[in-house]
Amino acid sequence: VESGGDLVQPGGSLRLSCAASGSIFSTYTLHWYRQAPG
């Protein structure tokens, strides 16, 4: 479950979080991806 997204001005900062459950988190490689409109 991702969280932390928001509207921010250019030059600003945000911290996204990805909360995991259901398995041994430390054994997974984690990635972030993004998809812009179109």
Full PDB file with SEQRES, HELIX, SHEET, SSBOND, CRYST1, ORIGX, SCALE, CONECT and MASTER records, all heavy atoms in Angstrom:
SEQRES   1 A   38  VAL GLU SER GLY GLY ASP LEU VAL GLN PRO GLY GLY SER          
SEQRES   2 A   38  LEU ARG LEU SER CYS ALA ALA SER GLY SER ILE PHE SER          
SEQRES   3 A   38  THR TYR THR LEU HIS TRP TYR ARG GLN ALA PRO GLY              
HELIX    1 AA1 PHE A   25  THR A   27  5                                   3    
SHEET    1 AA1 2 GLU A   2  SER A   3  0                                        
SHEET    2 AA1 2 SER A  17  CYS A  18 -1                                        
CRYST1    1.000    1.000    1.000  90.00  90.00  90.00 P 1           1          
ORIGX1      1.000000  0.000000  0.000000        0.00000                         
ORIGX2      0.000000  1.000000  0.000000        0.00000                         
ORIGX3      0.000000  0.000000  1.000000        0.00000                         
SCALE1      1.000000  0.000000  0.000000        0.00000                         
SCALE2      0.000000  1.000000  0.000000        0.00000                         
SCALE3      0.000000  0.000000  1.000000        0.00000                         
ATOM      1  N   VAL A   1       0.847  -1.185   0.000  1.00  0.00           N  
ATOM      2  CA  VAL A   1       0.000   0.000   0.000  1.00  0.00           C  
ATOM      3  C   VAL A   1       0.882   1.234   0.000  1.00  0.00           C  
ATOM      4  O   VAL A   1       1.630   1.472   0.959  1.00  0.00           O  
ATOM      5  CB  VAL A   1      -0.939   0.028   1.213  1.00  0.00           C  
ATOM      6  CG1 VAL A   1      -1.788   1.298   1.193  1.00  0.00           C  
ATOM      7  CG2 VAL A   1      -1.829  -1.207   1.235  1.00  0.00           C  
ATOM      8  N   GLU A   2       0.779   2.011  -1.068  1.00  0.00           N  
ATOM      9  CA  GLU A   2       1.548   3.242  -1.166  1.00  0.00           C  
ATOM     10  C   GLU A   2       0.779   4.398  -0.539  1.00  0.00           C  
ATOM     11  O   GLU A   2      -0.454   4.414  -0.538  1.00  0.00           O  
ATOM     12  CB  GLU A   2       1.839   3.600  -2.632  1.00  0.00           C  
ATOM     13  CG  GLU A   2       2.599   2.549  -3.408  1.00  0.00           C  
ATOM     14  CD  GLU A   2       1.682   1.603  -4.152  1.00  0.00           C  
ATOM     15  OE1 GLU A   2       0.502   1.448  -3.749  1.00  0.00           O  
ATOM     16  OE2 GLU A   2       2.131   1.009  -5.161  1.00  0.00           O  
ATOM     17  N   SER A   3       1.510   5.379  -0.050  1.00  0.00           N  
ATOM     18  CA  SER A   3       0.903   6.594   0.486  1.00  0.00           C  
ATOM     19  C   SER A   3       1.912   7.728   0.381  1.00  0.00           C  
ATOM     20  O   SER A   3       3.093   7.497   0.110  1.00  0.00           O  
ATOM     21  CB  SER A   3       0.466   6.401   1.937  1.00  0.00           C  
ATOM     22  OG  SER A   3       1.583   6.118   2.751  1.00  0.00           O  
ATOM     23  N   GLY A   4       1.429   8.943   0.606  1.00  0.00           N  
ATOM     24  CA  GLY A   4       2.306  10.100   0.626  1.00  0.00           C  
ATOM     25  C   GLY A   4       2.227  10.978  -0.603  1.00  0.00           C  
ATOM     26  O   GLY A   4       2.822  12.062  -0.637  1.00  0.00           O  
ATOM     27  N   GLY A   5       1.507  10.532  -1.627  1.00  0.00           N  
ATOM     28  CA  GLY A   5       1.374  11.362  -2.803  1.00  0.00           C  
ATOM     29  C   GLY A   5       0.583  12.624  -2.509  1.00  0.00           C  
ATOM     30  O   GLY A   5      -0.290  12.637  -1.640  1.00  0.00           O  
ATOM     31  N   ASP A   6       0.882  13.689  -3.254  1.00  0.00           N  
ATOM     32  CA  ASP A   6       0.237  14.977  -2.983  1.00  0.00           C  
ATOM     33  C   ASP A   6       0.494  15.920  -4.137  1.00  0.00           C  
ATOM     34  O   ASP A   6       1.203  15.577  -5.095  1.00  0.00           O  
ATOM     35  CB  ASP A   6       0.783  15.563  -1.684  1.00  0.00           C  
ATOM     36  CG  ASP A   6      -0.169  16.524  -1.016  1.00  0.00           C  
ATOM     37  OD1 ASP A   6      -1.160  16.955  -1.659  1.00  0.00           O  
ATOM     38  OD2 ASP A   6       0.069  16.862   0.165  1.00  0.00           O  
ATOM     39  N   LEU A   7      -0.078  17.097  -4.039  1.00  0.00           N  
ATOM     40  CA  LEU A   7       0.202  18.191  -4.969  1.00  0.00           C  
ATOM     41  C   LEU A   7       1.320  19.021  -4.365  1.00  0.00           C  
ATOM     42  O   LEU A   7       1.218  19.462  -3.205  1.00  0.00           O  
ATOM     43  CB  LEU A   7      -1.055  19.033  -5.168  1.00  0.00           C  
ATOM     44  CG  LEU A   7      -0.880  20.351  -5.928  1.00  0.00           C  
ATOM     45  CD1 LEU A   7      -0.453  20.082  -7.365  1.00  0.00           C  
ATOM     46  CD2 LEU A   7      -2.184  21.142  -5.896  1.00  0.00           C  
ATOM     47  N   VAL A   8       2.375  19.255  -5.135  1.00  0.00           N  
ATOM     48  CA  VAL A   8       3.526  19.994  -4.630  1.00  0.00           C  
ATOM     49  C   VAL A   8       4.037  20.926  -5.723  1.00  0.00           C  
ATOM     50  O   VAL A   8       3.894  20.627  -6.920  1.00  0.00           O  
ATOM     51  CB  VAL A   8       4.625  19.022  -4.154  1.00  0.00           C  
ATOM     52  CG1 VAL A   8       5.140  18.189  -5.301  1.00  0.00           C  
ATOM     53  CG2 VAL A   8       5.742  19.748  -3.443  1.00  0.00           C  
ATOM     54  N   GLN A   9       4.615  22.039  -5.314  1.00  0.00           N  
ATOM     55  CA  GLN A   9       5.170  22.984  -6.281  1.00  0.00           C  
ATOM     56  C   GLN A   9       6.528  22.511  -6.785  1.00  0.00           C  
ATOM     57  O   GLN A   9       7.230  21.758  -6.092  1.00  0.00           O  
ATOM     58  CB  GLN A   9       5.315  24.367  -5.636  1.00  0.00           C  
ATOM     59  CG  GLN A   9       4.002  25.032  -5.319  1.00  0.00           C  
ATOM     60  CD  GLN A   9       4.178  26.444  -4.813  1.00  0.00           C  
ATOM     61  OE1 GLN A   9       5.261  26.832  -4.356  1.00  0.00           O  
ATOM     62  NE2 GLN A   9       3.138  27.250  -4.904  1.00  0.00           N  
ATOM     63  N   PRO A  10       6.922  22.947  -7.973  1.00  0.00           N  
ATOM     64  CA  PRO A  10       8.266  22.619  -8.459  1.00  0.00           C  
ATOM     65  C   PRO A  10       9.325  23.043  -7.454  1.00  0.00           C  
ATOM     66  O   PRO A  10       9.228  24.117  -6.847  1.00  0.00           O  
ATOM     67  CB  PRO A  10       8.371  23.438  -9.750  1.00  0.00           C  
ATOM     68  CG  PRO A  10       6.963  23.597 -10.210  1.00  0.00           C  
ATOM     69  CD  PRO A  10       6.145  23.728  -8.966  1.00  0.00           C  
ATOM     70  N   GLY A  11      10.312  22.183  -7.286  1.00  0.00           N  
ATOM     71  CA  GLY A  11      11.348  22.437  -6.298  1.00  0.00           C  
ATOM     72  C   GLY A  11      11.028  21.882  -4.930  1.00  0.00           C  
ATOM     73  O   GLY A  11      11.912  21.859  -4.048  1.00  0.00           O  
ATOM     74  N   GLY A  12       9.813  21.441  -4.734  1.00  0.00           N  
ATOM     75  CA  GLY A  12       9.406  20.914  -3.433  1.00  0.00           C  
ATOM     76  C   GLY A  12       9.830  19.473  -3.219  1.00  0.00           C  
ATOM     77  O   GLY A  12      10.496  18.865  -4.070  1.00  0.00           O  
ATOM     78  N   SER A  13       9.421  18.936  -2.067  1.00  0.00           N  
ATOM     79  CA  SER A  13       9.796  17.576  -1.681  1.00  0.00           C  
ATOM     80  C   SER A  13       8.581  16.799  -1.220  1.00  0.00           C  
ATOM     81  O   SER A  13       7.606  17.384  -0.720  1.00  0.00           O  
ATOM     82  CB  SER A  13      10.822  17.611  -0.540  1.00  0.00           C  
ATOM     83  OG  SER A  13      12.015  18.244  -0.937  1.00  0.00           O  
ATOM     84  N   LEU A  14       8.653  15.497  -1.389  1.00  0.00           N  
ATOM     85  CA  LEU A  14       7.656  14.577  -0.857  1.00  0.00           C  
ATOM     86  C   LEU A  14       8.360  13.301  -0.454  1.00  0.00           C  
ATOM     87  O   LEU A  14       9.411  12.948  -1.017  1.00  0.00           O  
ATOM     88  CB  LEU A  14       6.606  14.223  -1.918  1.00  0.00           C  
ATOM     89  CG  LEU A  14       5.477  15.197  -2.227  1.00  0.00           C  
ATOM     90  CD1 LEU A  14       4.635  14.666  -3.374  1.00  0.00           C  
ATOM     91  CD2 LEU A  14       4.621  15.448  -1.003  1.00  0.00           C  
ATOM     92  N   ARG A  15       7.768  12.604   0.503  1.00  0.00           N  
ATOM     93  CA  ARG A  15       8.247  11.268   0.844  1.00  0.00           C  
ATOM     94  C   ARG A  15       7.106  10.281   0.677  1.00  0.00           C  
ATOM     95  O   ARG A  15       6.083  10.399   1.355  1.00  0.00           O  
ATOM     96  CB  ARG A  15       8.797  11.193   2.257  1.00  0.00           C  
ATOM     97  CG  ARG A  15       9.476   9.836   2.533  1.00  0.00           C  
ATOM     98  CD  ARG A  15      10.111   9.737   3.891  1.00  0.00           C  
ATOM     99  NE  ARG A  15       9.145   9.424   4.927  1.00  0.00           N  
ATOM    100  CZ  ARG A  15       9.474   8.848   6.093  1.00  0.00           C  
ATOM    101  NH1 ARG A  15      10.722   8.521   6.327  1.00  0.00           N  
ATOM    102  NH2 ARG A  15       8.530   8.626   6.990  1.00  0.00           N  
ATOM    103  N   LEU A  16       7.306   9.336  -0.204  1.00  0.00           N  
ATOM    104  CA  LEU A  16       6.330   8.276  -0.409  1.00  0.00           C  
ATOM    105  C   LEU A  16       6.675   7.094   0.482  1.00  0.00           C  
ATOM    106  O   LEU A  16       7.843   6.817   0.738  1.00  0.00           O  
ATOM    107  CB  LEU A  16       6.320   7.832  -1.869  1.00  0.00           C  
ATOM    108  CG  LEU A  16       6.100   8.917  -2.916  1.00  0.00           C  
ATOM    109  CD1 LEU A  16       6.052   8.285  -4.312  1.00  0.00           C  
ATOM    110  CD2 LEU A  16       4.855   9.716  -2.635  1.00  0.00           C  
ATOM    111  N   SER A  17       5.642   6.401   0.920  1.00  0.00           N  
ATOM    112  CA  SER A  17       5.815   5.203   1.722  1.00  0.00           C  
ATOM    113  C   SER A  17       5.139   4.026   1.026  1.00  0.00           C  
ATOM    114  O   SER A  17       4.141   4.196   0.319  1.00  0.00           O  
ATOM    115  CB  SER A  17       5.207   5.383   3.109  1.00  0.00           C  
ATOM    116  OG  SER A  17       5.837   6.425   3.813  1.00  0.00           O  
ATOM    117  N   CYS A  18       5.686   2.857   1.259  1.00  0.00           N  
ATOM    118  CA  CYS A  18       5.118   1.610   0.745  1.00  0.00           C  
ATOM    119  C   CYS A  18       5.070   0.633   1.905  1.00  0.00           C  
ATOM    120  O   CYS A  18       6.101   0.099   2.317  1.00  0.00           O  
ATOM    121  CB  CYS A  18       5.966   1.070  -0.394  1.00  0.00           C  
ATOM    122  SG  CYS A  18       5.489  -0.575  -0.965  1.00  0.00           S  
ATOM    123  N   ALA A  19       3.880   0.414   2.439  1.00  0.00           N  
ATOM    124  CA  ALA A  19       3.711  -0.483   3.568  1.00  0.00           C  
ATOM    125  C   ALA A  19       3.387  -1.884   3.063  1.00  0.00           C  
ATOM    126  O   ALA A  19       2.476  -2.059   2.244  1.00  0.00           O  
ATOM    127  CB  ALA A  19       2.594   0.016   4.468  1.00  0.00           C  
ATOM    128  N   ALA A  20       4.130  -2.869   3.562  1.00  0.00           N  
ATOM    129  CA  ALA A  20       3.968  -4.249   3.103  1.00  0.00           C  
ATOM    130  C   ALA A  20       3.419  -5.126   4.215  1.00  0.00           C  
ATOM    131  O   ALA A  20       3.684  -4.892   5.397  1.00  0.00           O  
ATOM    132  CB  ALA A  20       5.304  -4.789   2.629  1.00  0.00           C  
ATOM    133  N   SER A  21       2.679  -6.133   3.820  1.00  0.00           N  
ATOM    134  CA  SER A  21       2.180  -7.110   4.779  1.00  0.00           C  
ATOM    135  C   SER A  21       2.022  -8.440   4.081  1.00  0.00           C  
ATOM    136  O   SER A  21       1.908  -8.510   2.853  1.00  0.00           O  
ATOM    137  CB  SER A  21       0.834  -6.665   5.357  1.00  0.00           C  
ATOM    138  OG  SER A  21      -0.133  -6.561   4.339  1.00  0.00           O  
ATOM    139  N   GLY A  22       2.052  -9.495   4.874  1.00  0.00           N  
ATOM    140  CA  GLY A  22       1.730 -10.815   4.354  1.00  0.00           C  
ATOM    141  C   GLY A  22       2.898 -11.704   4.047  1.00  0.00           C  
ATOM    142  O   GLY A  22       2.709 -12.864   3.710  1.00  0.00           O  
ATOM    143  N   SER A  23       4.119 -11.200   4.136  1.00  0.00           N  
ATOM    144  CA  SER A  23       5.261 -12.048   3.851  1.00  0.00           C  
ATOM    145  C   SER A  23       6.503 -11.473   4.510  1.00  0.00           C  
ATOM    146  O   SER A  23       6.431 -10.470   5.217  1.00  0.00           O  
ATOM    147  CB  SER A  23       5.466 -12.174   2.330  1.00  0.00           C  
ATOM    148  OG  SER A  23       6.358 -13.235   2.055  1.00  0.00           O  
ATOM    149  N   ILE A  24       7.621 -12.115   4.317  1.00  0.00           N  
ATOM    150  CA  ILE A  24       8.860 -11.683   4.958  1.00  0.00           C  
ATOM    151  C   ILE A  24       9.461 -10.563   4.118  1.00  0.00           C  
ATOM    152  O   ILE A  24      10.164 -10.805   3.124  1.00  0.00           O  
ATOM    153  CB  ILE A  24       9.840 -12.850   5.118  1.00  0.00           C  
ATOM    154  CG1 ILE A  24       9.164 -13.986   5.891  1.00  0.00           C  
ATOM    155  CG2 ILE A  24      11.097 -12.384   5.835  1.00  0.00           C  
ATOM    156  CD1 ILE A  24       9.992 -15.247   5.958  1.00  0.00           C  
ATOM    157  N   PHE A  25       9.181  -9.356   4.528  1.00  0.00           N  
ATOM    158  CA  PHE A  25       9.514  -8.162   3.762  1.00  0.00           C  
ATOM    159  C   PHE A  25      10.997  -8.096   3.415  1.00  0.00           C  
ATOM    160  O   PHE A  25      11.370  -7.747   2.297  1.00  0.00           O  
ATOM    161  CB  PHE A  25       9.092  -6.940   4.573  1.00  0.00           C  
ATOM    162  CG  PHE A  25       9.368  -5.626   3.914  1.00  0.00           C  
ATOM    163  CD1 PHE A  25       8.610  -5.211   2.834  1.00  0.00           C  
ATOM    164  CD2 PHE A  25      10.365  -4.785   4.392  1.00  0.00           C  
ATOM    165  CE1 PHE A  25       8.839  -3.996   2.231  1.00  0.00           C  
ATOM    166  CE2 PHE A  25      10.606  -3.563   3.805  1.00  0.00           C  
ATOM    167  CZ  PHE A  25       9.840  -3.156   2.718  1.00  0.00           C  
ATOM    168  N   SER A  26      11.851  -8.439   4.352  1.00  0.00           N  
ATOM    169  CA  SER A  26      13.288  -8.247   4.168  1.00  0.00           C  
ATOM    170  C   SER A  26      13.870  -9.114   3.062  1.00  0.00           C  
ATOM    171  O   SER A  26      14.969  -8.839   2.575  1.00  0.00           O  
ATOM    172  CB  SER A  26      14.024  -8.520   5.478  1.00  0.00           C  
ATOM    173  OG  SER A  26      13.816  -9.856   5.876  1.00  0.00           O  
ATOM    174  N   THR A  27      13.165 -10.135   2.638  1.00  0.00           N  
ATOM    175  CA  THR A  27      13.694 -11.032   1.610  1.00  0.00           C  
ATOM    176  C   THR A  27      13.374 -10.588   0.188  1.00  0.00           C  
ATOM    177  O   THR A  27      13.789 -11.229  -0.769  1.00  0.00           O  
ATOM    178  CB  THR A  27      13.155 -12.458   1.815  1.00  0.00           C  
ATOM    179  OG1 THR A  27      11.726 -12.449   1.644  1.00  0.00           O  
ATOM    180  CG2 THR A  27      13.505 -12.976   3.193  1.00  0.00           C  
ATOM    181  N   TYR A  28      12.627  -9.485   0.066  1.00  0.00           N  
ATOM    182  CA  TYR A  28      12.231  -8.989  -1.242  1.00  0.00           C  
ATOM    183  C   TYR A  28      13.087  -7.805  -1.679  1.00  0.00           C  
ATOM    184  O   TYR A  28      13.476  -6.970  -0.869  1.00  0.00           O  
ATOM    185  CB  TYR A  28      10.766  -8.540  -1.222  1.00  0.00           C  
ATOM    186  CG  TYR A  28       9.785  -9.685  -1.129  1.00  0.00           C  
ATOM    187  CD1 TYR A  28       9.539 -10.312   0.087  1.00  0.00           C  
ATOM    188  CD2 TYR A  28       9.106 -10.139  -2.251  1.00  0.00           C  
ATOM    189  CE1 TYR A  28       8.650 -11.373   0.169  1.00  0.00           C  
ATOM    190  CE2 TYR A  28       8.205 -11.183  -2.174  1.00  0.00           C  
ATOM    191  CZ  TYR A  28       7.993 -11.801  -0.961  1.00  0.00           C  
ATOM    192  OH  TYR A  28       7.109 -12.840  -0.890  1.00  0.00           O  
ATOM    193  N   THR A  29      13.331  -7.749  -2.968  1.00  0.00           N  
ATOM    194  CA  THR A  29      13.894  -6.556  -3.564  1.00  0.00           C  
ATOM    195  C   THR A  29      12.737  -5.598  -3.854  1.00  0.00           C  
ATOM    196  O   THR A  29      11.705  -6.008  -4.383  1.00  0.00           O  
ATOM    197  CB  THR A  29      14.639  -6.878  -4.862  1.00  0.00           C  
ATOM    198  OG1 THR A  29      15.707  -7.781  -4.557  1.00  0.00           O  
ATOM    199  CG2 THR A  29      15.217  -5.618  -5.490  1.00  0.00           C  
ATOM    200  N   LEU A  30      12.913  -4.331  -3.484  1.00  0.00           N  
ATOM    201  CA  LEU A  30      11.855  -3.355  -3.628  1.00  0.00           C  
ATOM    202  C   LEU A  30      12.186  -2.374  -4.747  1.00  0.00           C  
ATOM    203  O   LEU A  30      13.331  -1.950  -4.895  1.00  0.00           O  
ATOM    204  CB  LEU A  30      11.670  -2.564  -2.333  1.00  0.00           C  
ATOM    205  CG  LEU A  30      10.758  -3.155  -1.260  1.00  0.00           C  
ATOM    206  CD1 LEU A  30       9.317  -3.208  -1.739  1.00  0.00           C  
ATOM    207  CD2 LEU A  30      11.236  -4.497  -0.805  1.00  0.00           C  
ATOM    208  N   HIS A  31      11.167  -2.026  -5.500  1.00  0.00           N  
ATOM    209  CA  HIS A  31      11.318  -1.097  -6.607  1.00  0.00           C  
ATOM    210  C   HIS A  31      10.217  -0.042  -6.534  1.00  0.00           C  
ATOM    211  O   HIS A  31       9.122  -0.310  -6.053  1.00  0.00           O  
ATOM    212  CB  HIS A  31      11.178  -1.815  -7.948  1.00  0.00           C  
ATOM    213  CG  HIS A  31      11.971  -3.080  -8.058  1.00  0.00           C  
ATOM    214  ND1 HIS A  31      13.245  -3.129  -8.591  1.00  0.00           N  
ATOM    215  CD2 HIS A  31      11.675  -4.348  -7.683  1.00  0.00           C  
ATOM    216  CE1 HIS A  31      13.681  -4.370  -8.537  1.00  0.00           C  
ATOM    217  NE2 HIS A  31      12.752  -5.138  -7.997  1.00  0.00           N  
ATOM    218  N   TRP A  32      10.534   1.120  -7.049  1.00  0.00           N  
ATOM    219  CA  TRP A  32       9.513   2.147  -7.305  1.00  0.00           C  
ATOM    220  C   TRP A  32       9.445   2.350  -8.813  1.00  0.00           C  
ATOM    221  O   TRP A  32      10.487   2.448  -9.488  1.00  0.00           O  
ATOM    222  CB  TRP A  32       9.847   3.463  -6.632  1.00  0.00           C  
ATOM    223  CG  TRP A  32       9.597   3.475  -5.156  1.00  0.00           C  
ATOM    224  CD1 TRP A  32      10.498   3.237  -4.160  1.00  0.00           C  
ATOM    225  CD2 TRP A  32       8.346   3.740  -4.503  1.00  0.00           C  
ATOM    226  NE1 TRP A  32       9.900   3.341  -2.942  1.00  0.00           N  
ATOM    227  CE2 TRP A  32       8.580   3.660  -3.111  1.00  0.00           C  
ATOM    228  CE3 TRP A  32       7.062   4.057  -4.947  1.00  0.00           C  
ATOM    229  CZ2 TRP A  32       7.569   3.874  -2.165  1.00  0.00           C  
ATOM    230  CZ3 TRP A  32       6.061   4.277  -4.010  1.00  0.00           C  
ATOM    231  CH2 TRP A  32       6.318   4.180  -2.648  1.00  0.00           C  
ATOM    232  N   TYR A  33       8.219   2.434  -9.300  1.00  0.00           N  
ATOM    233  CA  TYR A  33       7.947   2.754 -10.691  1.00  0.00           C  
ATOM    234  C   TYR A  33       7.000   3.951 -10.711  1.00  0.00           C  
ATOM    235  O   TYR A  33       6.383   4.285  -9.694  1.00  0.00           O  
ATOM    236  CB  TYR A  33       7.257   1.581 -11.403  1.00  0.00           C  
ATOM    237  CG  TYR A  33       8.163   0.446 -11.769  1.00  0.00           C  
ATOM    238  CD1 TYR A  33       8.593  -0.466 -10.810  1.00  0.00           C  
ATOM    239  CD2 TYR A  33       8.586   0.256 -13.082  1.00  0.00           C  
ATOM    240  CE1 TYR A  33       9.428  -1.516 -11.154  1.00  0.00           C  
ATOM    241  CE2 TYR A  33       9.411  -0.809 -13.435  1.00  0.00           C  
ATOM    242  CZ  TYR A  33       9.820  -1.684 -12.457  1.00  0.00           C  
ATOM    243  OH  TYR A  33      10.640  -2.740 -12.804  1.00  0.00           O  
ATOM    244  N   ARG A  34       6.870   4.545 -11.868  1.00  0.00           N  
ATOM    245  CA  ARG A  34       5.889   5.610 -12.025  1.00  0.00           C  
ATOM    246  C   ARG A  34       5.287   5.571 -13.422  1.00  0.00           C  
ATOM    247  O   ARG A  34       5.908   5.067 -14.358  1.00  0.00           O  
ATOM    248  CB  ARG A  34       6.503   6.987 -11.757  1.00  0.00           C  
ATOM    249  CG  ARG A  34       7.559   7.434 -12.770  1.00  0.00           C  
ATOM    250  CD  ARG A  34       8.192   8.733 -12.320  1.00  0.00           C  
ATOM    251  NE  ARG A  34       9.193   9.211 -13.275  1.00  0.00           N  
ATOM    252  CZ  ARG A  34       9.968  10.270 -13.058  1.00  0.00           C  
ATOM    253  NH1 ARG A  34       9.868  10.953 -11.918  1.00  0.00           N  
ATOM    254  NH2 ARG A  34      10.838  10.643 -13.981  1.00  0.00           N  
ATOM    255  N   GLN A  35       4.084   6.110 -13.533  1.00  0.00           N  
ATOM    256  CA  GLN A  35       3.404   6.168 -14.817  1.00  0.00           C  
ATOM    257  C   GLN A  35       2.737   7.514 -14.956  1.00  0.00           C  
ATOM    258  O   GLN A  35       1.821   7.844 -14.187  1.00  0.00           O  
ATOM    259  CB  GLN A  35       2.381   5.045 -14.958  1.00  0.00           C  
ATOM    260  CG  GLN A  35       1.781   4.963 -16.347  1.00  0.00           C  
ATOM    261  CD  GLN A  35       1.047   3.646 -16.574  1.00  0.00           C  
ATOM    262  OE1 GLN A  35       0.705   2.934 -15.628  1.00  0.00           O  
ATOM    263  NE2 GLN A  35       0.817   3.314 -17.829  1.00  0.00           N  
ATOM    264  N   ALA A  36       3.204   8.276 -15.925  1.00  0.00           N  
ATOM    265  CA  ALA A  36       2.624   9.580 -16.215  1.00  0.00           C  
ATOM    266  C   ALA A  36       1.468   9.398 -17.198  1.00  0.00           C  
ATOM    267  O   ALA A  36       1.426   8.400 -17.935  1.00  0.00           O  
ATOM    268  CB  ALA A  36       3.682  10.502 -16.800  1.00  0.00           C  
ATOM    269  N   PRO A  37       0.556  10.359 -17.244  1.00  0.00           N  
ATOM    270  CA  PRO A  37      -0.586  10.243 -18.164  1.00  0.00           C  
ATOM    271  C   PRO A  37      -0.133  10.057 -19.604  1.00  0.00           C  
ATOM    272  O   PRO A  37       0.728  10.795 -20.096  1.00  0.00           O  
ATOM    273  CB  PRO A  37      -1.304  11.585 -17.974  1.00  0.00           C  
ATOM    274  CG  PRO A  37      -0.929  12.029 -16.610  1.00  0.00           C  
ATOM    275  CD  PRO A  37       0.477  11.562 -16.399  1.00  0.00           C  
ATOM    276  N   GLY A  38      -0.671   9.053 -20.267  1.00  0.00           N  
ATOM    277  CA  GLY A  38      -0.354   8.798 -21.656  1.00  0.00           C  
ATOM    278  C   GLY A  38       0.989   8.157 -21.912  1.00  0.00           C  
ATOM    279  O   GLY A  38       1.398   8.009 -23.071  1.00  0.00           O  
TER     280      GLY A  38                                                      
MASTER        0    0    0    1    2    0    0    6  279    1    0    3          
END                                                                             
